Protein backbone atom coordinates (compact mmCIF):
# COMPACT_ATOMS: atom_id res chain seq x y z
CA MET A 1 -36.81 -30.84 -9.19
CA SER A 2 -39.38 -33.05 -7.55
CA LEU A 3 -40.55 -31.88 -4.14
CA ASP A 4 -41.43 -34.75 -1.86
CA ARG A 5 -42.35 -35.18 1.78
CA ARG A 6 -39.15 -37.11 2.44
CA SER A 7 -37.23 -33.95 1.51
CA PHE A 8 -39.59 -31.92 3.66
CA ILE A 9 -39.01 -33.94 6.79
CA LYS A 10 -35.28 -33.70 6.13
CA SER A 11 -35.60 -29.96 6.35
CA ALA A 12 -37.55 -30.29 9.58
CA ILE A 13 -35.07 -32.45 11.46
CA VAL A 14 -31.75 -31.66 9.84
CA THR A 15 -30.64 -29.28 12.54
CA GLY A 16 -30.20 -32.24 14.84
CA GLY A 17 -31.95 -30.61 17.79
CA LEU A 18 -35.41 -31.39 16.44
CA ALA A 19 -35.12 -35.14 16.58
CA ALA A 20 -35.91 -35.07 20.29
CA MET A 21 -38.87 -32.74 20.17
CA ALA A 22 -41.19 -35.23 21.80
CA GLY A 23 -39.98 -33.79 25.08
CA LEU A 24 -40.28 -30.18 24.04
CA THR A 25 -43.37 -29.34 26.07
CA ALA A 26 -41.55 -29.61 29.36
CA CYS A 27 -38.91 -27.02 28.55
CA ALA A 28 -40.65 -24.61 26.21
CA ALA A 29 -41.35 -21.21 27.70
CA GLU A 30 -44.74 -19.63 27.44
CA PRO A 31 -44.86 -16.64 25.11
CA GLY A 32 -43.89 -13.52 26.97
CA LYS A 33 -43.05 -15.37 30.17
CA GLU A 34 -39.72 -14.43 31.69
CA SER A 35 -37.35 -17.23 32.58
CA ASP A 36 -36.43 -17.76 36.22
CA ALA A 37 -32.79 -17.60 35.16
CA GLN A 38 -31.66 -14.01 34.85
CA PRO A 39 -29.02 -13.59 32.12
CA SER A 40 -27.74 -10.17 33.10
CA THR A 41 -25.27 -9.36 35.84
CA THR A 42 -25.53 -5.59 35.44
CA GLU A 43 -27.51 -5.28 38.69
CA GLN A 44 -24.99 -7.37 40.60
CA THR A 45 -22.86 -4.65 42.22
CA VAL A 46 -20.86 -6.78 44.65
CA ILE A 47 -19.86 -10.41 44.15
CA GLU A 48 -18.40 -12.11 47.19
CA PRO A 49 -17.19 -15.59 46.24
CA SER A 50 -17.41 -18.28 48.87
CA GLU A 51 -14.68 -20.28 47.13
CA THR A 52 -11.85 -19.58 44.70
CA LYS A 53 -10.28 -22.10 42.32
CA GLU A 54 -7.22 -21.87 40.06
CA CYS A 55 -6.72 -23.47 36.65
CA ASP A 56 -4.99 -23.11 33.31
CA ILE A 57 -8.19 -23.02 31.24
CA CYS A 58 -11.78 -22.46 32.32
CA VAL A 59 -14.39 -23.82 29.91
CA VAL A 60 -17.82 -22.23 30.33
CA GLY A 61 -20.28 -24.92 29.33
CA ALA A 62 -19.82 -28.68 28.90
CA GLY A 63 -22.01 -29.36 25.88
CA LEU A 64 -20.81 -30.68 22.55
CA SER A 65 -18.16 -28.00 21.94
CA GLY A 66 -17.25 -27.65 25.60
CA LEU A 67 -16.51 -31.37 25.87
CA SER A 68 -14.27 -31.13 22.81
CA ALA A 69 -12.33 -28.31 24.47
CA CYS A 70 -12.10 -30.16 27.79
CA VAL A 71 -10.72 -33.34 26.26
CA GLN A 72 -8.25 -31.48 24.06
CA ALA A 73 -6.99 -29.49 27.04
CA GLY A 74 -6.80 -32.61 29.16
CA GLU A 75 -4.69 -34.33 26.54
CA LEU A 76 -2.26 -31.42 26.70
CA GLY A 77 -1.92 -32.03 30.42
CA LEU A 78 -3.59 -28.78 31.41
CA ASN A 79 -5.45 -28.05 34.62
CA VAL A 80 -9.01 -27.57 33.39
CA ILE A 81 -12.20 -26.46 35.12
CA ALA A 82 -15.52 -26.73 33.25
CA LEU A 83 -18.56 -24.88 34.56
CA GLU A 84 -21.86 -26.42 33.48
CA SER A 85 -25.19 -24.75 34.28
CA GLY A 86 -27.11 -28.00 33.86
CA ASP A 87 -27.07 -31.02 36.12
CA ASP A 88 -24.97 -33.08 33.69
CA VAL A 89 -22.68 -32.67 30.71
CA GLY A 90 -23.83 -32.83 27.08
CA GLY A 91 -26.05 -29.76 26.77
CA GLY A 92 -28.07 -29.70 23.56
CA ALA A 93 -26.14 -32.70 22.23
CA ARG A 94 -28.07 -34.87 24.67
CA MET A 95 -31.37 -33.90 23.05
CA GLY A 96 -30.95 -34.68 19.39
CA VAL A 97 -27.66 -34.16 17.52
CA GLU A 98 -27.42 -37.22 15.30
CA GLY A 99 -24.03 -36.96 13.62
CA THR A 100 -21.37 -34.57 12.47
CA PHE A 101 -19.48 -33.23 9.48
CA GLY A 102 -16.32 -34.93 8.29
CA LEU A 103 -14.20 -34.50 5.20
CA ASN A 104 -11.43 -36.94 4.25
CA SER A 105 -11.74 -38.86 7.50
CA GLU A 106 -10.35 -42.37 7.70
CA MET A 107 -13.93 -43.59 7.77
CA MET A 108 -14.62 -41.81 4.48
CA LYS A 109 -11.49 -43.20 2.88
CA THR A 110 -12.29 -46.73 4.00
CA ALA A 111 -15.82 -46.42 2.66
CA GLY A 112 -14.56 -44.96 -0.63
CA VAL A 113 -16.61 -41.79 -0.19
CA GLU A 114 -15.18 -38.79 -2.05
CA VAL A 115 -16.47 -35.22 -1.86
CA ASP A 116 -15.21 -32.14 -3.67
CA SER A 117 -14.47 -29.52 -1.02
CA LEU A 118 -14.53 -26.75 -3.62
CA ALA A 119 -18.09 -27.70 -4.56
CA ILE A 120 -19.07 -27.41 -0.88
CA LEU A 121 -17.27 -24.09 -0.54
CA ASN A 122 -18.90 -22.54 -3.59
CA ASP A 123 -22.33 -23.77 -2.51
CA GLU A 124 -21.96 -22.37 1.00
CA LEU A 125 -20.66 -19.01 -0.18
CA SER A 126 -23.38 -18.72 -2.79
CA GLN A 127 -26.16 -19.37 -0.28
CA ALA A 128 -24.68 -16.79 2.07
CA GLN A 129 -24.35 -14.25 -0.76
CA GLN A 130 -20.55 -14.36 -0.28
CA ARG A 131 -20.84 -12.93 3.24
CA SER A 132 -19.30 -16.00 4.89
CA ASP A 133 -15.55 -16.19 5.37
CA ALA A 134 -14.15 -18.47 2.67
CA LEU A 135 -10.83 -18.84 4.47
CA LEU A 136 -12.58 -19.95 7.65
CA TRP A 137 -14.50 -22.57 5.70
CA ARG A 138 -11.27 -23.85 4.11
CA GLU A 139 -9.60 -24.10 7.50
CA PHE A 140 -12.63 -26.01 8.75
CA PHE A 141 -12.38 -28.43 5.82
CA ASN A 142 -8.71 -29.02 6.53
CA VAL A 143 -9.31 -30.24 10.10
CA ALA A 144 -12.73 -31.91 9.80
CA GLY A 145 -11.44 -35.35 8.84
CA GLU A 146 -8.72 -35.35 11.48
CA ASN A 147 -11.32 -34.36 14.07
CA ILE A 148 -13.38 -37.45 13.21
CA ASN A 149 -10.24 -39.59 13.60
CA TRP A 150 -9.53 -37.89 16.93
CA LEU A 151 -13.05 -38.56 18.18
CA VAL A 152 -12.68 -42.25 17.36
CA LYS A 153 -9.49 -42.33 19.41
CA GLN A 154 -11.41 -40.81 22.33
CA GLY A 155 -13.89 -43.68 22.18
CA VAL A 156 -16.67 -41.85 20.37
CA GLU A 157 -18.83 -44.37 18.53
CA PHE A 158 -20.21 -43.96 15.01
CA ASN A 159 -22.57 -46.39 13.29
CA GLY A 160 -20.43 -46.48 10.13
CA THR A 161 -22.89 -44.71 7.84
CA ILE A 162 -21.64 -41.69 5.91
CA ASP A 163 -24.24 -40.01 3.73
CA ASN A 164 -25.99 -36.77 2.82
CA TYR A 165 -28.42 -36.84 5.76
CA HIS A 166 -31.51 -37.90 3.78
CA SER A 167 -31.32 -35.46 0.86
CA GLY A 168 -28.45 -32.99 1.26
CA LYS A 169 -26.04 -32.26 -1.55
CA PHE A 170 -22.90 -33.80 -0.08
CA ASN A 171 -22.03 -37.10 1.60
CA THR A 172 -20.29 -35.63 4.63
CA PHE A 173 -22.54 -36.71 7.50
CA HIS A 174 -20.99 -39.19 9.95
CA TRP A 175 -23.77 -40.80 11.99
CA TYR A 176 -23.21 -41.46 15.69
CA LYS A 177 -24.08 -44.76 17.32
CA ASP A 178 -27.86 -45.21 17.34
CA GLY A 179 -28.08 -41.94 15.39
CA LYS A 180 -27.68 -39.94 18.60
CA ALA A 181 -24.86 -37.91 20.10
CA ALA A 182 -26.41 -38.88 23.43
CA ALA A 183 -25.37 -42.46 22.69
CA GLY A 184 -22.23 -42.10 20.59
CA TYR A 185 -20.59 -38.81 21.59
CA VAL A 186 -21.56 -37.61 25.06
CA PRO A 187 -20.84 -40.79 27.09
CA ALA A 188 -17.40 -41.30 25.58
CA MET A 189 -16.33 -37.66 25.85
CA SER A 190 -17.67 -37.42 29.37
CA ALA A 191 -15.67 -40.50 30.35
CA ARG A 192 -12.55 -38.98 28.79
CA THR A 193 -12.90 -35.78 30.81
CA LYS A 194 -12.89 -37.90 33.98
CA GLU A 195 -9.90 -39.94 32.83
CA LEU A 196 -7.98 -36.76 32.05
CA GLY A 197 -8.78 -35.17 35.39
CA VAL A 198 -10.98 -32.33 34.14
CA ASP A 199 -12.86 -30.74 37.04
CA VAL A 200 -16.45 -30.50 35.81
CA ILE A 201 -18.66 -28.48 38.15
CA VAL A 202 -22.37 -28.85 37.35
CA ASN A 203 -25.34 -26.69 38.41
CA THR A 204 -22.98 -23.72 38.23
CA THR A 205 -23.53 -20.83 35.83
CA ALA A 206 -20.73 -18.48 34.83
CA LYS A 207 -22.14 -14.94 34.76
CA LYS A 208 -19.29 -12.44 34.83
CA LEU A 209 -15.78 -12.37 33.43
CA ILE A 210 -12.78 -11.25 35.46
CA ALA A 211 -10.27 -9.06 33.67
CA ASP A 212 -6.93 -7.50 34.61
CA GLU A 213 -5.92 -3.86 34.17
CA ASN A 214 -5.00 -4.53 30.53
CA GLY A 215 -8.39 -6.00 29.64
CA LYS A 216 -7.21 -9.61 29.52
CA ALA A 217 -9.71 -12.24 30.65
CA THR A 218 -8.31 -13.87 33.77
CA GLY A 219 -11.27 -15.86 35.04
CA VAL A 220 -14.98 -15.89 35.78
CA TYR A 221 -17.47 -15.51 38.58
CA ALA A 222 -20.04 -18.29 38.57
CA GLN A 223 -23.19 -18.72 40.62
CA GLN A 224 -24.02 -22.12 42.03
CA LYS A 225 -27.46 -23.62 42.48
CA ASN A 226 -27.55 -22.64 46.17
CA GLY A 227 -26.81 -19.03 45.26
CA ASP A 228 -23.17 -19.03 46.34
CA TRP A 229 -20.58 -17.47 44.06
CA LEU A 230 -17.50 -19.32 42.85
CA GLN A 231 -14.44 -17.49 41.55
CA VAL A 232 -12.33 -19.32 38.98
CA ASN A 233 -8.98 -17.78 38.06
CA ALA A 234 -7.60 -18.94 34.73
CA LYS A 235 -4.96 -18.15 32.15
CA ALA A 236 -7.65 -18.35 29.45
CA VAL A 237 -11.45 -18.59 29.36
CA ILE A 238 -13.38 -20.44 26.67
CA LEU A 239 -17.08 -19.60 26.27
CA ALA A 240 -19.11 -22.64 25.24
CA SER A 241 -22.47 -21.78 26.79
CA GLY A 242 -24.62 -22.92 23.87
CA GLY A 243 -25.83 -19.55 22.65
CA PHE A 244 -28.92 -17.56 23.64
CA GLY A 245 -31.84 -19.52 22.22
CA SER A 246 -33.68 -19.38 25.58
CA ASN A 247 -33.34 -15.61 25.94
CA ALA A 248 -36.39 -14.13 24.22
CA GLU A 249 -35.06 -10.58 24.50
CA LEU A 250 -31.90 -11.45 22.59
CA VAL A 251 -33.64 -13.72 20.07
CA SER A 252 -36.12 -10.96 19.26
CA ARG A 253 -33.22 -8.86 17.98
CA ILE A 254 -32.92 -11.25 15.03
CA GLY A 255 -36.36 -10.19 13.88
CA TYR A 256 -38.91 -12.10 15.96
CA ASP A 257 -41.56 -10.67 18.26
CA GLN A 258 -40.50 -11.21 21.85
CA ASP A 259 -44.04 -12.05 22.97
CA ARG A 260 -44.25 -14.89 20.43
CA LEU A 261 -41.16 -16.85 21.45
CA GLY A 262 -40.82 -20.15 23.29
CA CYS A 263 -37.64 -22.21 23.72
CA MET A 264 -36.47 -25.80 23.50
CA PHE A 265 -33.26 -25.71 25.55
CA GLU A 266 -33.89 -23.73 28.72
CA ASN A 267 -30.21 -23.39 29.67
CA ALA A 268 -29.21 -21.38 26.60
CA GLN A 269 -29.75 -18.07 28.37
CA GLY A 270 -27.00 -16.14 26.61
CA HIS A 271 -24.66 -15.74 29.57
CA GLY A 272 -21.64 -16.25 27.33
CA TYR A 273 -22.87 -13.61 24.91
CA LEU A 274 -23.59 -11.08 27.65
CA MET A 275 -20.21 -11.60 29.30
CA ALA A 276 -18.44 -11.15 25.98
CA MET A 277 -20.36 -7.96 25.26
CA GLU A 278 -19.21 -6.55 28.62
CA MET A 279 -15.66 -7.11 27.37
CA GLY A 280 -16.35 -5.09 24.22
CA ALA A 281 -16.84 -8.00 21.83
CA VAL A 282 -18.28 -7.48 18.37
CA ASP A 283 -22.02 -8.15 18.39
CA THR A 284 -22.95 -10.47 15.51
CA ILE A 285 -26.62 -10.99 16.39
CA PRO A 286 -27.57 -8.95 13.30
CA GLY A 287 -27.04 -11.59 10.64
CA CYS A 288 -26.51 -14.57 12.94
CA CYS A 289 -28.22 -17.87 12.21
CA ASP A 290 -31.22 -19.26 14.08
CA GLN A 291 -33.22 -22.45 14.07
CA ASN A 292 -36.81 -21.63 15.00
CA ALA A 293 -40.12 -23.16 13.96
CA PRO A 294 -43.75 -22.01 14.20
CA MET A 295 -46.22 -23.81 16.43
CA LEU A 296 -49.82 -23.28 17.49
CA ALA A 297 -49.68 -21.84 21.00
CA GLY A 298 -52.85 -23.57 22.17
CA VAL A 299 -51.78 -27.05 21.03
CA PRO A 300 -49.18 -29.25 22.82
CA GLN A 301 -45.76 -28.42 21.47
CA GLY A 302 -43.83 -31.03 19.53
CA GLN A 303 -43.00 -32.27 16.06
CA THR A 304 -46.64 -32.90 15.13
CA ASN A 305 -47.53 -29.29 15.91
CA MET A 306 -44.44 -27.92 14.19
CA LEU A 307 -44.84 -29.97 11.02
CA PHE A 308 -48.45 -28.88 10.64
CA CYS A 309 -47.37 -25.23 10.80
CA LEU A 310 -44.75 -26.00 8.15
CA GLU A 311 -47.19 -27.67 5.77
CA PRO A 312 -46.42 -26.06 2.37
CA GLU A 313 -50.10 -26.26 1.39
CA ILE A 314 -51.12 -23.80 4.10
CA PRO A 315 -50.81 -20.15 3.05
CA TRP A 316 -49.50 -17.40 5.35
CA ILE A 317 -50.79 -13.83 5.23
CA ASN A 318 -49.77 -10.57 6.85
CA GLU A 319 -51.85 -8.00 8.70
CA ASN A 320 -53.15 -6.71 5.34
CA CYS A 321 -54.33 -10.18 4.30
CA GLU A 322 -51.55 -10.48 1.72
CA ARG A 323 -49.44 -13.56 1.07
CA PHE A 324 -45.78 -12.60 1.23
CA TYR A 325 -43.72 -15.65 0.23
CA ALA A 326 -43.88 -19.10 -1.37
CA GLU A 327 -44.73 -21.47 1.47
CA ASP A 328 -43.02 -24.45 -0.15
CA ILE A 329 -39.55 -23.04 0.51
CA VAL A 330 -39.66 -25.12 3.71
CA VAL A 331 -39.25 -28.20 1.51
CA THR A 332 -35.64 -27.19 0.90
CA ASN A 333 -34.81 -25.75 4.30
CA MET A 334 -37.16 -25.23 7.22
CA SER A 335 -35.35 -22.03 8.17
CA TYR A 336 -36.02 -20.36 4.83
CA SER A 337 -39.55 -19.58 5.96
CA ASN A 338 -38.36 -17.48 8.92
CA PRO A 339 -36.88 -14.31 7.34
CA PRO A 340 -39.99 -13.47 5.28
CA LYS A 341 -41.90 -13.00 8.54
CA TRP A 342 -39.40 -10.41 9.76
CA ASN A 343 -40.58 -8.05 7.01
CA GLN A 344 -44.19 -8.08 8.20
CA LYS A 345 -45.89 -6.27 11.05
CA ASP A 346 -47.90 -9.41 11.80
CA TYR A 347 -48.49 -12.81 10.20
CA PHE A 348 -51.07 -15.59 10.31
CA MET A 349 -51.73 -18.98 8.77
CA ILE A 350 -55.13 -19.90 7.34
CA TRP A 351 -56.56 -23.30 6.41
CA ASP A 352 -59.79 -25.19 5.91
CA THR A 353 -61.26 -28.42 7.27
CA LYS A 354 -59.91 -30.49 4.39
CA MET A 355 -56.34 -29.38 5.10
CA LEU A 356 -56.73 -30.13 8.80
CA GLU A 357 -58.36 -33.52 8.46
CA GLY A 358 -56.00 -34.50 5.64
CA TYR A 359 -52.91 -33.72 7.70
CA SER A 360 -50.89 -36.84 8.44
CA SER A 361 -48.03 -36.20 10.85
CA TRP A 362 -44.82 -38.17 10.81
CA GLY A 363 -43.71 -36.53 14.04
CA VAL A 364 -42.17 -38.76 16.69
CA ASP A 365 -44.02 -37.20 19.60
CA SER A 366 -47.28 -38.50 21.02
CA THR A 367 -49.68 -35.59 20.99
CA GLY A 368 -52.85 -37.52 20.23
CA ASP A 369 -55.26 -36.83 17.40
CA PHE A 370 -54.16 -33.49 15.98
CA THR A 371 -57.58 -32.46 14.70
CA SER A 372 -59.04 -32.95 18.17
CA LEU A 373 -56.22 -30.93 19.71
CA VAL A 374 -56.86 -28.03 17.34
CA GLU A 375 -60.58 -28.19 18.09
CA ALA A 376 -59.80 -28.14 21.81
CA ALA A 377 -57.68 -25.02 21.32
CA VAL A 378 -60.60 -23.37 19.52
CA GLU A 379 -62.99 -24.27 22.32
CA ASN A 380 -60.54 -22.99 24.94
CA ASP A 381 -60.92 -19.59 23.31
CA ASP A 382 -57.37 -18.60 24.22
CA GLY A 383 -56.85 -16.62 21.03
CA SER A 384 -54.39 -19.09 19.51
CA VAL A 385 -56.80 -20.50 16.88
CA TYR A 386 -60.18 -19.35 15.56
CA ARG A 387 -62.74 -21.41 13.62
CA CYS A 388 -65.67 -19.95 11.68
CA ASP A 389 -68.17 -21.09 9.09
CA THR A 390 -67.36 -18.22 6.73
CA ILE A 391 -64.19 -16.40 5.73
CA ARG A 392 -65.76 -13.09 6.60
CA GLU A 393 -66.42 -14.18 10.18
CA LEU A 394 -62.87 -15.53 10.38
CA ALA A 395 -61.45 -12.03 9.99
CA GLU A 396 -62.96 -10.94 13.29
CA GLY A 397 -60.65 -13.14 15.37
CA TYR A 398 -57.58 -10.95 14.77
CA ASN A 399 -59.40 -7.77 13.69
CA LEU A 400 -58.47 -8.22 10.04
CA ASP A 401 -60.22 -6.49 7.18
CA ALA A 402 -63.03 -8.86 6.19
CA ASP A 403 -63.18 -7.62 2.59
CA ALA A 404 -59.41 -8.03 2.21
CA LEU A 405 -59.49 -11.55 3.66
CA GLU A 406 -62.32 -12.59 1.34
CA LYS A 407 -60.41 -11.12 -1.62
CA PHE A 408 -57.26 -13.01 -0.62
CA VAL A 409 -59.12 -16.34 -0.45
CA GLU A 410 -60.86 -15.66 -3.76
CA ASP A 411 -57.57 -14.88 -5.53
CA TYR A 412 -55.74 -17.77 -3.89
CA ASN A 413 -58.43 -20.29 -4.84
CA ARG A 414 -58.38 -19.02 -8.44
CA MET A 415 -54.61 -19.57 -8.62
CA CYS A 416 -55.05 -23.04 -7.14
CA ALA A 417 -57.62 -23.89 -9.79
CA GLU A 418 -55.26 -22.64 -12.50
CA GLY A 419 -52.33 -24.50 -10.96
CA THR A 420 -50.15 -21.40 -11.02
CA ASP A 421 -48.92 -19.24 -8.16
CA GLU A 422 -48.62 -16.01 -10.10
CA LEU A 423 -47.23 -14.16 -7.07
CA PHE A 424 -44.33 -16.30 -5.85
CA GLY A 425 -44.23 -19.46 -7.94
CA LYS A 426 -45.17 -22.04 -5.30
CA SER A 427 -45.29 -25.49 -6.85
CA ALA A 428 -48.71 -26.52 -8.15
CA GLU A 429 -48.28 -29.65 -6.01
CA TYR A 430 -48.90 -27.52 -2.93
CA MET A 431 -51.61 -25.20 -4.29
CA GLN A 432 -54.64 -26.44 -2.34
CA PRO A 433 -57.72 -24.18 -2.24
CA ILE A 434 -59.36 -22.94 0.94
CA GLU A 435 -62.95 -23.90 0.25
CA ASN A 436 -64.14 -26.58 2.70
CA GLY A 437 -65.54 -24.98 5.84
CA PRO A 438 -65.34 -24.54 8.69
CA PHE A 439 -62.26 -22.37 8.23
CA TYR A 440 -59.38 -21.70 10.63
CA ILE A 441 -56.89 -18.94 11.28
CA ALA A 442 -54.02 -18.88 13.78
CA ARG A 443 -51.28 -16.56 14.97
CA PRO A 444 -48.48 -19.05 15.75
CA ILE A 445 -45.64 -18.59 18.19
CA TRP A 446 -42.00 -19.43 17.41
CA VAL A 447 -40.18 -22.15 19.31
CA VAL A 448 -36.41 -21.65 19.33
CA PHE A 449 -34.14 -24.67 19.02
CA CYS A 450 -30.84 -22.83 18.87
CA VAL A 451 -29.14 -19.67 17.73
CA VAL A 452 -25.75 -20.03 16.06
CA GLY A 453 -23.42 -17.11 16.55
CA GLY A 454 -23.69 -13.81 18.38
CA ILE A 455 -20.11 -13.24 19.51
CA GLY A 456 -17.55 -12.05 16.98
CA THR A 457 -14.53 -14.35 16.71
CA ASN A 458 -11.46 -14.77 14.53
CA HIS A 459 -9.95 -17.89 12.98
CA ASN A 460 -8.42 -18.88 16.32
CA ALA A 461 -11.86 -18.75 17.97
CA GLN A 462 -10.66 -15.71 19.92
CA VAL A 463 -13.34 -13.20 20.86
CA VAL A 464 -12.70 -9.98 18.92
CA ARG A 465 -13.47 -6.32 19.33
CA ASP A 466 -13.82 -3.88 16.43
CA ARG A 467 -11.41 -4.41 13.53
CA PHE A 468 -10.79 -7.98 14.71
CA GLU A 469 -8.68 -6.94 17.67
CA PRO A 470 -8.66 -10.02 19.95
CA VAL A 471 -9.71 -9.89 23.56
CA ASP A 472 -6.71 -11.42 25.28
CA GLY A 473 -7.42 -14.68 27.02
CA LEU A 474 -11.01 -15.01 25.79
CA TYR A 475 -12.46 -17.50 23.28
CA ALA A 476 -15.97 -18.39 22.08
CA ILE A 477 -16.71 -21.75 20.50
CA GLY A 478 -19.70 -23.75 19.23
CA ASN A 479 -22.96 -21.82 19.03
CA ASP A 480 -21.51 -18.92 21.01
CA GLY A 481 -18.94 -17.87 18.43
CA CYS A 482 -19.67 -19.64 15.13
CA MET A 483 -18.95 -17.40 12.13
CA LEU A 484 -19.64 -19.88 9.31
CA TYR A 485 -23.15 -18.71 8.45
CA ARG A 486 -25.13 -15.57 7.77
CA ASN A 487 -28.87 -15.42 8.51
CA ILE A 488 -29.60 -19.02 7.44
CA TYR A 489 -28.10 -22.30 8.56
CA THR A 490 -27.26 -23.88 5.21
CA ILE A 491 -28.18 -27.53 5.55
CA ASP A 492 -27.09 -28.89 2.17
CA THR A 493 -23.70 -29.72 3.70
CA PRO A 494 -25.00 -31.67 6.69
CA GLY A 495 -23.40 -31.65 10.11
CA THR A 496 -21.30 -28.52 9.77
CA CYS A 497 -22.71 -26.82 12.86
CA SER A 498 -21.85 -29.69 15.20
CA GLY A 499 -18.61 -30.22 13.30
CA TRP A 500 -17.67 -26.63 14.00
CA GLY A 501 -18.41 -27.13 17.68
CA ILE A 502 -15.81 -29.90 17.80
CA ALA A 503 -13.30 -28.07 15.61
CA SER A 504 -13.56 -24.75 17.44
CA GLY A 505 -13.17 -26.42 20.83
CA ARG A 506 -9.87 -27.99 19.81
CA LYS A 507 -8.73 -24.87 17.97
CA ALA A 508 -9.35 -22.58 20.95
CA VAL A 509 -7.50 -24.84 23.37
CA ASN A 510 -4.49 -25.23 21.11
CA HIS A 511 -4.21 -21.48 20.61
CA ALA A 512 -4.69 -20.74 24.31
CA PHE A 513 -2.04 -23.32 25.19
CA GLU A 514 0.53 -21.79 22.86
CA THR A 515 -0.35 -18.19 23.70
CA TYR A 516 -1.22 -18.06 27.39
CA VAL A 517 -0.28 -21.34 29.06
CA LYS A 518 2.82 -22.84 27.49
């Protein structure tokens, strides 16, 4: 199969959240810096609410999945309160989601697009080594098309294009107006919540669940921007807080070093996850799916920085100066390059002047001349990038074995000359020798876009304890409770993550209505 840069950029932006990375600098956390928002309520011994509200369903978070739940509940005539920690609705959907998954929608039928759902199912299960729930996937397929039709009825606007999102395997991606959920999805769904009388309370973060003597979730305590506590009593609670991508402590449990993590969406602090764990929920962080990318810490963060660190020509080595994977796996899926790092004590990327000066970014952000930015990071001497005239000197930056580093470069250059990666089979197209000094070495950080999963759920989106025993009255949707993937977000069927956010929102509300409200 031919590996081209068009496929590579597809892997870099396919998660949806990366399309807006021009604004990443403002919200990315510095490595090792604690967020001002504290995700834990364990130290809060006494909560004295200044106000109490009553509702049928409380939705925690008004992002993509939360809006789906709010509108569905509103259509059922329920009294709904949505608690949003940000200053407006939309969450991560405002920053880059471009479209969503649909199967057998009216739009697909009109366009004459046909896709074999069994082919999708077998591909997804194969990539997840059969660990994903086949029945859950089938249920998702069965409602995906109807969900697209439902969105259209709500006023959500699509641009009419249905394709494979650049180079996926299946034509299931329904593009929003202007290629942005911020234009096609969020405005329409926000307007519908107002029409349906949903009480959306912004700048208010739910931090602790309320439970009765039988362990049923009966509401939440939420802290407002001024520090006051709000008590919301409800017949059911739906967690849609967007996951924990901004909580370095939780993200590190996937396999990353906590002191090397930054974040893209600062509100994804993991409050939903922590509240569910206090209720005894199954912890699915081991094996959950993340979307992270490496960046040079001393260079402005954005797509240009990220795409350089994902260049398949640039080799990565561990603390023993050994390569440990084929760097061109990013061409298929950006996330494939993450797990190999988890098996190493430390990891670095190394390149020469030719690689740096030959780098041509197609990033949408404006970070200036990248070579100059790297040189500035070197001159700042902040430890993020080192430049030396010889490979041996280069080893001193991170206290690596100079003999081992020289041996690595010698062996790697020999394989490049032969056009064969005898260790991992990287394509000869990306075997570029390290021979034009000065030379560079960096210890990148990881910038987190989102984490998908963390809270164990069943097919009704109910939060579950061990042996799939549901926690009465409690649901987790979207990134909080997605169970479709294991370890890697499989991008060959585009739009499934956002599609699940919509599907799980509707599913949770319908089940809560029948079980706890009706």
